[in-house]
Amino acid sequence: MRRLVMALALVGCFPQAKQIVKEQSIAHVAPKDRDAVFSRALATMQRRGWIIGVSDRTGGVLTSQPMDTGVKACGVLTCPSRSTLQVTIAEDGDVVVNLHREFFLAHGQNYWFVPKAEQDVRPIEAEQRDILRDVVGTTQTPRATPAVAK
């Protein structure tokens, strides 16, 4: 019974768990620096252990393969996670980092879900901002925008 109550809290059935939409992290670089930023993004992703699934220098897109990202806090539990990281560098110099993460709930139902509780989403957004700072090579505070639904 206790596991059921914790599972319900985890997926946001209780009003205490504020539900939010994860935001992307965005910074701007000079358009002339786009190629250098792409190289830095590729090096950052590889250094952090991401396996590159898509690398399109001309289009300015780097996407990792979906990867097991270990056990993470999810609500009051800890859950296995999997993630995909995408970095895009637009021709106008906008650099966007979007870290998509899912958790596995193995307490009865056994399913993957995208976290929506604020306590789960905020650490993902912080990780995105940290990756973005490495990619653009600055300590500027990235701005955030709502993530595009997958």
C-alpha atoms as a PDB file:
ATOM      1  CA  MET A   1       0.000   0.000   0.000  1.00  0.00           C
ATOM      2  CA  ARG A   2       2.814   2.403   0.875  1.00  0.00           C
ATOM      3  CA  ARG A   3       4.418   1.821  -2.553  1.00  0.00           C
ATOM      4  CA  LEU A   4       1.105   2.570  -4.256  1.00  0.00           C
ATOM      5  CA  VAL A   5       0.777   5.886  -2.381  1.00  0.00           C
ATOM      6  CA  MET A   6       4.366   6.806  -3.290  1.00  0.00           C
ATOM      7  CA  ALA A   7       3.781   5.855  -6.917  1.00  0.00           C
ATOM      8  CA  LEU A   8       0.676   8.036  -7.081  1.00  0.00           C
ATOM      9  CA  ALA A   9       2.609  10.952  -5.599  1.00  0.00           C
ATOM     10  CA  LEU A  10       5.360  10.366  -8.121  1.00  0.00           C
ATOM     11  CA  VAL A  11       3.137  10.638 -11.167  1.00  0.00           C
ATOM     12  CA  GLY A  12       1.471  13.780  -9.872  1.00  0.00           C
ATOM     13  CA  CYS A  13      -1.875  12.486  -8.683  1.00  0.00           C
ATOM     14  CA  PHE A  14      -1.540  14.491  -5.485  1.00  0.00           C
ATOM     15  CA  PRO A  15      -2.036  18.261  -5.695  1.00  0.00           C
ATOM     16  CA  GLN A  16       1.195  18.954  -3.714  1.00  0.00           C
ATOM     17  CA  ALA A  17       3.267  17.987  -6.758  1.00  0.00           C
ATOM     18  CA  LYS A  18       3.241  21.141  -8.896  1.00  0.00           C
ATOM     19  CA  GLN A  19       3.115  20.113 -12.567  1.00  0.00           C
ATOM     20  CA  ILE A  20       5.271  22.073 -15.034  1.00  0.00           C
ATOM     21  CA  VAL A  21       6.564  21.820 -18.605  1.00  0.00           C
ATOM     22  CA  LYS A  22      10.322  21.457 -18.964  1.00  0.00           C
ATOM     23  CA  GLU A  23      11.985  24.374 -20.724  1.00  0.00           C
ATOM     24  CA  GLN A  24      14.843  24.316 -23.211  1.00  0.00           C
ATOM     25  CA  SER A  25      18.008  26.288 -22.497  1.00  0.00           C
ATOM     26  CA  ILE A  26      18.993  28.903 -25.080  1.00  0.00           C
ATOM     27  CA  ALA A  27      21.996  31.192 -25.582  1.00  0.00           C
ATOM     28  CA  HIS A  28      23.105  33.330 -28.501  1.00  0.00           C
ATOM     29  CA  VAL A  29      26.485  33.368 -30.232  1.00  0.00           C
ATOM     30  CA  ALA A  30      27.715  35.397 -33.161  1.00  0.00           C
ATOM     31  CA  PRO A  31      26.617  33.694 -36.397  1.00  0.00           C
ATOM     32  CA  LYS A  32      30.252  33.722 -37.576  1.00  0.00           C
ATOM     33  CA  ASP A  33      31.132  31.471 -34.592  1.00  0.00           C
ATOM     34  CA  ARG A  34      28.544  28.806 -35.508  1.00  0.00           C
ATOM     35  CA  ASP A  35      31.078  26.264 -36.806  1.00  0.00           C
ATOM     36  CA  ALA A  36      33.337  26.638 -33.749  1.00  0.00           C
ATOM     37  CA  VAL A  37      30.341  26.263 -31.423  1.00  0.00           C
ATOM     38  CA  PHE A  38      29.282  23.107 -33.294  1.00  0.00           C
ATOM     39  CA  SER A  39      32.767  21.651 -32.729  1.00  0.00           C
ATOM     40  CA  ARG A  40      32.640  22.603 -29.050  1.00  0.00           C
ATOM     41  CA  ALA A  41      29.154  21.053 -28.728  1.00  0.00           C
ATOM     42  CA  LEU A  42      30.379  17.801 -30.274  1.00  0.00           C
ATOM     43  CA  ALA A  43      33.406  17.717 -27.961  1.00  0.00           C
ATOM     44  CA  THR A  44      31.220  18.536 -24.923  1.00  0.00           C
ATOM     45  CA  MET A  45      28.750  15.766 -25.677  1.00  0.00           C
ATOM     46  CA  GLN A  46      31.521  13.207 -26.219  1.00  0.00           C
ATOM     47  CA  ARG A  47      33.404  14.301 -23.085  1.00  0.00           C
ATOM     48  CA  ARG A  48      30.205  13.875 -21.058  1.00  0.00           C
ATOM     49  CA  GLY A  49      29.748  10.335 -22.388  1.00  0.00           C
ATOM     50  CA  TRP A  50      26.938  10.875 -24.893  1.00  0.00           C
ATOM     51  CA  ILE A  51      26.944   8.611 -27.962  1.00  0.00           C
ATOM     52  CA  ILE A  52      26.242  10.726 -31.037  1.00  0.00           C
ATOM     53  CA  GLY A  53      23.327   9.483 -33.143  1.00  0.00           C
ATOM     54  CA  VAL A  54      22.997  12.458 -35.519  1.00  0.00           C
ATOM     55  CA  SER A  55      25.739  14.912 -36.431  1.00  0.00           C
ATOM     56  CA  ASP A  56      24.705  17.443 -39.085  1.00  0.00           C
ATOM     57  CA  ARG A  57      27.217  20.292 -39.150  1.00  0.00           C
ATOM     58  CA  THR A  58      25.488  22.068 -42.051  1.00  0.00           C
ATOM     59  CA  GLY A  59      22.094  21.904 -40.353  1.00  0.00           C
ATOM     60  CA  GLY A  60      23.587  22.684 -36.945  1.00  0.00           C
ATOM     61  CA  VAL A  61      22.095  19.630 -35.222  1.00  0.00           C
ATOM     62  CA  LEU A  62      23.683  17.149 -32.816  1.00  0.00           C
ATOM     63  CA  THR A  63      21.517  14.458 -31.250  1.00  0.00           C
ATOM     64  CA  SER A  64      22.608  11.649 -28.981  1.00  0.00           C
ATOM     65  CA  GLN A  65      21.335   8.133 -29.138  1.00  0.00           C
ATOM     66  CA  PRO A  66      18.850   7.311 -26.364  1.00  0.00           C
ATOM     67  CA  MET A  67      20.989   6.229 -23.426  1.00  0.00           C
ATOM     68  CA  ASP A  68      20.623   4.679 -20.007  1.00  0.00           C
ATOM     69  CA  THR A  69      21.457   7.544 -17.633  1.00  0.00           C
ATOM     70  CA  GLY A  70      21.376   5.665 -14.356  1.00  0.00           C
ATOM     71  CA  VAL A  71      19.191   5.846 -11.297  1.00  0.00           C
ATOM     72  CA  LYS A  72      17.896   9.336 -10.486  1.00  0.00           C
ATOM     73  CA  ALA A  73      15.607  10.800  -7.860  1.00  0.00           C
ATOM     74  CA  CYS A  74      12.025  10.835  -9.124  1.00  0.00           C
ATOM     75  CA  GLY A  75       9.561  12.156  -6.599  1.00  0.00           C
ATOM     76  CA  VAL A  76      10.025  10.336  -3.313  1.00  0.00           C
ATOM     77  CA  LEU A  77      11.573   7.328  -5.086  1.00  0.00           C
ATOM     78  CA  THR A  78      14.638   6.661  -7.181  1.00  0.00           C
ATOM     79  CA  CYS A  79      14.041   5.410 -10.702  1.00  0.00           C
ATOM     80  CA  PRO A  80      16.100   4.154 -13.625  1.00  0.00           C
ATOM     81  CA  SER A  81      16.351   6.828 -16.311  1.00  0.00           C
ATOM     82  CA  ARG A  82      17.037   7.122 -20.010  1.00  0.00           C
ATOM     83  CA  SER A  83      17.828  10.328 -21.845  1.00  0.00           C
ATOM     84  CA  THR A  84      18.471  11.912 -25.205  1.00  0.00           C
ATOM     85  CA  LEU A  85      20.428  15.141 -25.620  1.00  0.00           C
ATOM     86  CA  GLN A  86      20.002  17.489 -28.567  1.00  0.00           C
ATOM     87  CA  VAL A  87      22.005  20.617 -29.346  1.00  0.00           C
ATOM     88  CA  THR A  88      21.007  22.879 -32.226  1.00  0.00           C
ATOM     89  CA  ILE A  89      22.915  25.879 -33.525  1.00  0.00           C
ATOM     90  CA  ALA A  90      20.746  28.042 -35.782  1.00  0.00           C
ATOM     91  CA  GLU A  91      22.120  30.171 -38.602  1.00  0.00           C
ATOM     92  CA  ASP A  92      21.185  33.287 -36.606  1.00  0.00           C
ATOM     93  CA  GLY A  93      23.386  32.099 -33.699  1.00  0.00           C
ATOM     94  CA  ASP A  94      20.738  30.767 -31.313  1.00  0.00           C
ATOM     95  CA  VAL A  95      22.085  27.697 -29.486  1.00  0.00           C
ATOM     96  CA  VAL A  96      19.455  25.423 -27.941  1.00  0.00           C
ATOM     97  CA  VAL A  97      20.057  22.504 -25.575  1.00  0.00           C
ATOM     98  CA  ASN A  98      17.202  20.117 -24.922  1.00  0.00           C
ATOM     99  CA  LEU A  99      17.713  17.207 -22.531  1.00  0.00           C
ATOM    100  CA  HIS A 100      14.827  14.746 -22.825  1.00  0.00           C
ATOM    101  CA  ARG A 101      14.655  12.370 -19.853  1.00  0.00           C
ATOM    102  CA  GLU A 102      12.263   9.564 -18.959  1.00  0.00           C
ATOM    103  CA  PHE A 103      11.965   7.591 -15.738  1.00  0.00           C
ATOM    104  CA  PHE A 104      10.956   3.961 -15.312  1.00  0.00           C
ATOM    105  CA  LEU A 105       8.359   3.228 -12.670  1.00  0.00           C
ATOM    106  CA  ALA A 106       8.681  -0.414 -11.633  1.00  0.00           C
ATOM    107  CA  HIS A 107       6.207  -0.408  -8.760  1.00  0.00           C
ATOM    108  CA  GLY A 108       3.281  -2.360 -10.114  1.00  0.00           C
ATOM    109  CA  GLN A 109       2.625  -0.848 -13.546  1.00  0.00           C
ATOM    110  CA  ASN A 110       6.158  -1.002 -15.044  1.00  0.00           C
ATOM    111  CA  TYR A 111       6.214   1.915 -17.502  1.00  0.00           C
ATOM    112  CA  TRP A 112       8.387   4.802 -18.720  1.00  0.00           C
ATOM    113  CA  PHE A 113       7.157   8.351 -18.162  1.00  0.00           C
ATOM    114  CA  VAL A 114       8.332  11.905 -18.800  1.00  0.00           C
ATOM    115  CA  PRO A 115       8.649  13.773 -15.499  1.00  0.00           C
ATOM    116  CA  LYS A 116       6.322  16.722 -15.031  1.00  0.00           C
ATOM    117  CA  ALA A 117       6.579  17.336 -11.279  1.00  0.00           C
ATOM    118  CA  GLU A 118       8.575  20.496 -10.579  1.00  0.00           C
ATOM    119  CA  GLN A 119      10.948  18.670  -8.198  1.00  0.00           C
ATOM    120  CA  ASP A 120      11.920  16.301 -11.046  1.00  0.00           C
ATOM    121  CA  VAL A 121      12.018  18.821 -13.913  1.00  0.00           C
ATOM    122  CA  ARG A 122      14.158  21.525 -12.265  1.00  0.00           C
ATOM    123  CA  PRO A 123      17.294  19.287 -11.984  1.00  0.00           C
ATOM    124  CA  ILE A 124      16.962  18.390 -15.681  1.00  0.00           C
ATOM    125  CA  GLU A 125      16.760  22.086 -16.594  1.00  0.00           C
ATOM    126  CA  ALA A 126      19.828  22.803 -14.432  1.00  0.00           C
ATOM    127  CA  GLU A 127      21.754  20.037 -16.217  1.00  0.00           C
ATOM    128  CA  GLN A 128      20.732  21.526 -19.587  1.00  0.00           C
ATOM    129  CA  ARG A 129      21.997  24.968 -18.542  1.00  0.00           C
ATOM    130  CA  ASP A 130      25.306  23.459 -17.425  1.00  0.00           C
ATOM    131  CA  ILE A 131      25.724  21.685 -20.774  1.00  0.00           C
ATOM    132  CA  LEU A 132      24.837  24.890 -22.627  1.00  0.00           C
ATOM    133  CA  ARG A 133      27.482  26.858 -20.718  1.00  0.00           C
ATOM    134  CA  ASP A 134      30.085  24.271 -21.789  1.00  0.00           C
ATOM    135  CA  VAL A 135      28.881  24.416 -25.398  1.00  0.00           C
ATOM    136  CA  VAL A 136      28.947  28.202 -25.768  1.00  0.00           C
ATOM    137  CA  GLY A 137      32.078  28.575 -23.645  1.00  0.00           C
ATOM    138  CA  THR A 138      30.701  31.222 -21.341  1.00  0.00           C
ATOM    139  CA  THR A 139      29.266  31.791 -17.912  1.00  0.00           C
ATOM    140  CA  GLN A 140      26.296  33.775 -19.261  1.00  0.00           C
ATOM    141  CA  THR A 141      22.966  32.722 -17.835  1.00  0.00           C
ATOM    142  CA  PRO A 142      21.035  30.886 -20.549  1.00  0.00           C
ATOM    143  CA  ARG A 143      17.432  31.863 -21.081  1.00  0.00           C
ATOM    144  CA  ALA A 144      14.683  29.269 -21.086  1.00  0.00           C
ATOM    145  CA  THR A 145      11.754  28.588 -23.390  1.00  0.00           C
ATOM    146  CA  PRO A 146       9.102  25.881 -23.236  1.00  0.00           C
ATOM    147  CA  ALA A 147      10.369  22.677 -24.808  1.00  0.00           C
ATOM    148  CA  VAL A 148       8.852  21.477 -28.039  1.00  0.00           C
ATOM    149  CA  ALA A 149       6.789  18.334 -27.443  1.00  0.00           C
ATOM    150  CA  LYS A 150       8.314  15.123 -28.783  1.00  0.00           C
END
